[in-house]
Amino acid sequence: MVTDPQSACFEAGIKFGSLYHQFAGTPVSPDSARSLERAMAESIENQPHCESVTVDILDDELEATLADSAADYTELTGSLMNVEMRIEYEDVTVRTKMEMEDGYPLMKLVSVEE
């Protein structure tokens, strides 16, 4: 038997997998960063049980990546963004975030509240 907290955590994982793998590699520039943040958040918020998504493209990281580039844009990667989500399933609220750890974007559970 799967518990509501387990189901809520599963839903959070689905949302993160969808967000990251749908948008990784998207061209991003300083001019398009805000609209890309909104598009990512609104896209994932359409999914069931997703109450809120916050995507922050890190301007300093983006500028540093572009400093050594001949192009005016780069590919979106986990190192260029912070993401937080709130999932509500039945009476359970799951909070998650993505952060870099040892050069790799890891999706983590912050809290599971019943």
C-alpha atoms as a PDB file:
ATOM      1  CA  MET A   1       0.000   0.000   0.000  1.00  0.00           C
ATOM      2  CA  VAL A   2       1.376   3.386  -1.023  1.00  0.00           C
ATOM      3  CA  THR A   3       0.936   6.178   1.534  1.00  0.00           C
ATOM      4  CA  ASP A   4      -0.154   9.726   0.722  1.00  0.00           C
ATOM      5  CA  PRO A   5       3.309  11.124   1.619  1.00  0.00           C
ATOM      6  CA  GLN A   6       4.938   8.597  -0.714  1.00  0.00           C
ATOM      7  CA  SER A   7       2.527   9.527  -3.504  1.00  0.00           C
ATOM      8  CA  ALA A   8       3.183  13.230  -2.911  1.00  0.00           C
ATOM      9  CA  CYS A   9       6.951  12.649  -3.137  1.00  0.00           C
ATOM     10  CA  PHE A  10       6.468  10.655  -6.339  1.00  0.00           C
ATOM     11  CA  GLU A  11       4.462  13.542  -7.810  1.00  0.00           C
ATOM     12  CA  ALA A  12       7.278  15.948  -6.907  1.00  0.00           C
ATOM     13  CA  GLY A  13       9.801  13.727  -8.680  1.00  0.00           C
ATOM     14  CA  ILE A  14       7.660  13.595 -11.804  1.00  0.00           C
ATOM     15  CA  LYS A  15       7.402  17.383 -11.877  1.00  0.00           C
ATOM     16  CA  PHE A  16      11.151  17.877 -11.455  1.00  0.00           C
ATOM     17  CA  GLY A  17      11.994  15.291 -14.103  1.00  0.00           C
ATOM     18  CA  SER A  18       9.573  16.934 -16.488  1.00  0.00           C
ATOM     19  CA  LEU A  19      10.889  20.439 -15.835  1.00  0.00           C
ATOM     20  CA  TYR A  20      14.559  19.613 -16.094  1.00  0.00           C
ATOM     21  CA  HIS A  21      14.484  17.294 -19.064  1.00  0.00           C
ATOM     22  CA  GLN A  22      11.990  19.401 -20.983  1.00  0.00           C
ATOM     23  CA  PHE A  23      13.958  22.638 -20.667  1.00  0.00           C
ATOM     24  CA  ALA A  24      17.637  21.621 -20.358  1.00  0.00           C
ATOM     25  CA  GLY A  25      19.340  22.779 -23.515  1.00  0.00           C
ATOM     26  CA  THR A  26      16.871  25.587 -24.219  1.00  0.00           C
ATOM     27  CA  PRO A  27      18.646  28.650 -25.608  1.00  0.00           C
ATOM     28  CA  VAL A  28      18.747  31.396 -22.962  1.00  0.00           C
ATOM     29  CA  SER A  29      20.110  34.942 -22.948  1.00  0.00           C
ATOM     30  CA  PRO A  30      19.869  37.824 -20.494  1.00  0.00           C
ATOM     31  CA  ASP A  31      17.019  39.206 -22.622  1.00  0.00           C
ATOM     32  CA  SER A  32      15.022  35.948 -22.565  1.00  0.00           C
ATOM     33  CA  ALA A  33      15.731  34.760 -18.999  1.00  0.00           C
ATOM     34  CA  ARG A  34      12.617  36.232 -17.331  1.00  0.00           C
ATOM     35  CA  SER A  35      10.218  34.946 -19.977  1.00  0.00           C
ATOM     36  CA  LEU A  36      11.853  31.504 -19.858  1.00  0.00           C
ATOM     37  CA  GLU A  37      11.456  31.432 -16.057  1.00  0.00           C
ATOM     38  CA  ARG A  38       7.745  32.180 -16.415  1.00  0.00           C
ATOM     39  CA  ALA A  39       7.239  29.658 -19.202  1.00  0.00           C
ATOM     40  CA  MET A  40       8.937  26.906 -17.195  1.00  0.00           C
ATOM     41  CA  ALA A  41       6.972  27.609 -14.028  1.00  0.00           C
ATOM     42  CA  GLU A  42       3.616  27.947 -15.780  1.00  0.00           C
ATOM     43  CA  SER A  43       4.213  24.786 -17.798  1.00  0.00           C
ATOM     44  CA  ILE A  44       4.881  22.629 -14.744  1.00  0.00           C
ATOM     45  CA  GLU A  45       2.090  24.260 -12.698  1.00  0.00           C
ATOM     46  CA  ASN A  46      -0.364  22.798 -15.229  1.00  0.00           C
ATOM     47  CA  GLN A  47       0.350  19.319 -13.888  1.00  0.00           C
ATOM     48  CA  PRO A  48      -1.887  17.739 -11.242  1.00  0.00           C
ATOM     49  CA  HIS A  49      -1.067  18.438  -7.586  1.00  0.00           C
ATOM     50  CA  CYS A  50       1.459  21.155  -8.441  1.00  0.00           C
ATOM     51  CA  GLU A  51       0.597  24.242  -6.400  1.00  0.00           C
ATOM     52  CA  SER A  52       3.599  26.443  -7.130  1.00  0.00           C
ATOM     53  CA  VAL A  53       6.868  26.499  -9.015  1.00  0.00           C
ATOM     54  CA  THR A  54       9.563  29.140  -8.770  1.00  0.00           C
ATOM     55  CA  VAL A  55      12.313  29.203 -11.384  1.00  0.00           C
ATOM     56  CA  ASP A  56      15.160  31.690 -10.984  1.00  0.00           C
ATOM     57  CA  ILE A  57      17.706  31.894 -13.779  1.00  0.00           C
ATOM     58  CA  LEU A  58      20.867  33.140 -12.111  1.00  0.00           C
ATOM     59  CA  ASP A  59      21.915  36.335 -13.869  1.00  0.00           C
ATOM     60  CA  ASP A  60      25.500  36.287 -12.556  1.00  0.00           C
ATOM     61  CA  GLU A  61      26.019  32.671 -13.651  1.00  0.00           C
ATOM     62  CA  LEU A  62      24.465  33.392 -17.043  1.00  0.00           C
ATOM     63  CA  GLU A  63      26.681  36.441 -17.578  1.00  0.00           C
ATOM     64  CA  ALA A  64      29.787  34.472 -16.537  1.00  0.00           C
ATOM     65  CA  THR A  65      28.929  31.713 -18.997  1.00  0.00           C
ATOM     66  CA  LEU A  66      28.416  34.241 -21.791  1.00  0.00           C
ATOM     67  CA  ALA A  67      31.623  36.151 -20.991  1.00  0.00           C
ATOM     68  CA  ASP A  68      33.749  33.513 -22.722  1.00  0.00           C
ATOM     69  CA  SER A  69      31.309  32.932 -25.585  1.00  0.00           C
ATOM     70  CA  ALA A  70      31.112  34.445 -29.046  1.00  0.00           C
ATOM     71  CA  ALA A  71      27.326  33.938 -28.975  1.00  0.00           C
ATOM     72  CA  ASP A  72      24.730  36.114 -27.248  1.00  0.00           C
ATOM     73  CA  TYR A  73      23.039  33.065 -25.701  1.00  0.00           C
ATOM     74  CA  THR A  74      23.862  29.707 -24.142  1.00  0.00           C
ATOM     75  CA  GLU A  75      22.111  26.463 -23.323  1.00  0.00           C
ATOM     76  CA  LEU A  76      20.139  26.310 -20.094  1.00  0.00           C
ATOM     77  CA  THR A  77      21.693  23.936 -17.563  1.00  0.00           C
ATOM     78  CA  GLY A  78      21.120  23.195 -13.903  1.00  0.00           C
ATOM     79  CA  SER A  79      24.054  25.411 -12.934  1.00  0.00           C
ATOM     80  CA  LEU A  80      22.169  28.431 -14.287  1.00  0.00           C
ATOM     81  CA  MET A  81      19.007  28.082 -12.230  1.00  0.00           C
ATOM     82  CA  ASN A  82      17.410  27.581  -8.852  1.00  0.00           C
ATOM     83  CA  VAL A  83      14.044  25.836  -8.742  1.00  0.00           C
ATOM     84  CA  GLU A  84      11.571  25.335  -5.896  1.00  0.00           C
ATOM     85  CA  MET A  85       8.237  23.516  -6.003  1.00  0.00           C
ATOM     86  CA  ARG A  86       5.291  22.928  -3.716  1.00  0.00           C
ATOM     87  CA  ILE A  87       3.213  19.816  -4.344  1.00  0.00           C
ATOM     88  CA  GLU A  88      -0.085  19.136  -2.553  1.00  0.00           C
ATOM     89  CA  TYR A  89      -1.477  15.616  -2.621  1.00  0.00           C
ATOM     90  CA  GLU A  90      -4.488  14.799  -0.431  1.00  0.00           C
ATOM     91  CA  ASP A  91      -3.509  16.295   2.975  1.00  0.00           C
ATOM     92  CA  VAL A  92       0.245  16.254   2.301  1.00  0.00           C
ATOM     93  CA  THR A  93       2.418  19.184   1.219  1.00  0.00           C
ATOM     94  CA  VAL A  94       5.832  18.430  -0.250  1.00  0.00           C
ATOM     95  CA  ARG A  95       8.413  21.165  -0.750  1.00  0.00           C
ATOM     96  CA  THR A  96      11.370  20.558  -3.042  1.00  0.00           C
ATOM     97  CA  LYS A  97      14.323  22.421  -4.489  1.00  0.00           C
ATOM     98  CA  MET A  98      17.068  21.910  -6.990  1.00  0.00           C
ATOM     99  CA  GLU A  99      20.610  22.854  -6.110  1.00  0.00           C
ATOM    100  CA  MET A 100      24.071  22.136  -7.397  1.00  0.00           C
ATOM    101  CA  GLU A 101      26.111  19.579  -5.508  1.00  0.00           C
ATOM    102  CA  ASP A 102      29.597  18.638  -6.688  1.00  0.00           C
ATOM    103  CA  GLY A 103      28.841  20.160 -10.088  1.00  0.00           C
ATOM    104  CA  TYR A 104      25.588  18.256 -10.589  1.00  0.00           C
ATOM    105  CA  PRO A 105      22.002  19.560 -10.274  1.00  0.00           C
ATOM    106  CA  LEU A 106      20.273  17.542  -7.570  1.00  0.00           C
ATOM    107  CA  MET A 107      16.565  17.639  -6.878  1.00  0.00           C
ATOM    108  CA  LYS A 108      15.907  17.393  -3.147  1.00  0.00           C
ATOM    109  CA  LEU A 109      13.025  17.061  -0.736  1.00  0.00           C
ATOM    110  CA  VAL A 110      12.982  19.993   1.650  1.00  0.00           C
ATOM    111  CA  SER A 111       9.972  18.915   3.697  1.00  0.00           C
ATOM    112  CA  VAL A 112       7.004  16.558   3.768  1.00  0.00           C
ATOM    113  CA  GLU A 113       4.151  17.925   5.900  1.00  0.00           C
ATOM    114  CA  GLU A 114       0.919  16.123   6.784  1.00  0.00           C
END
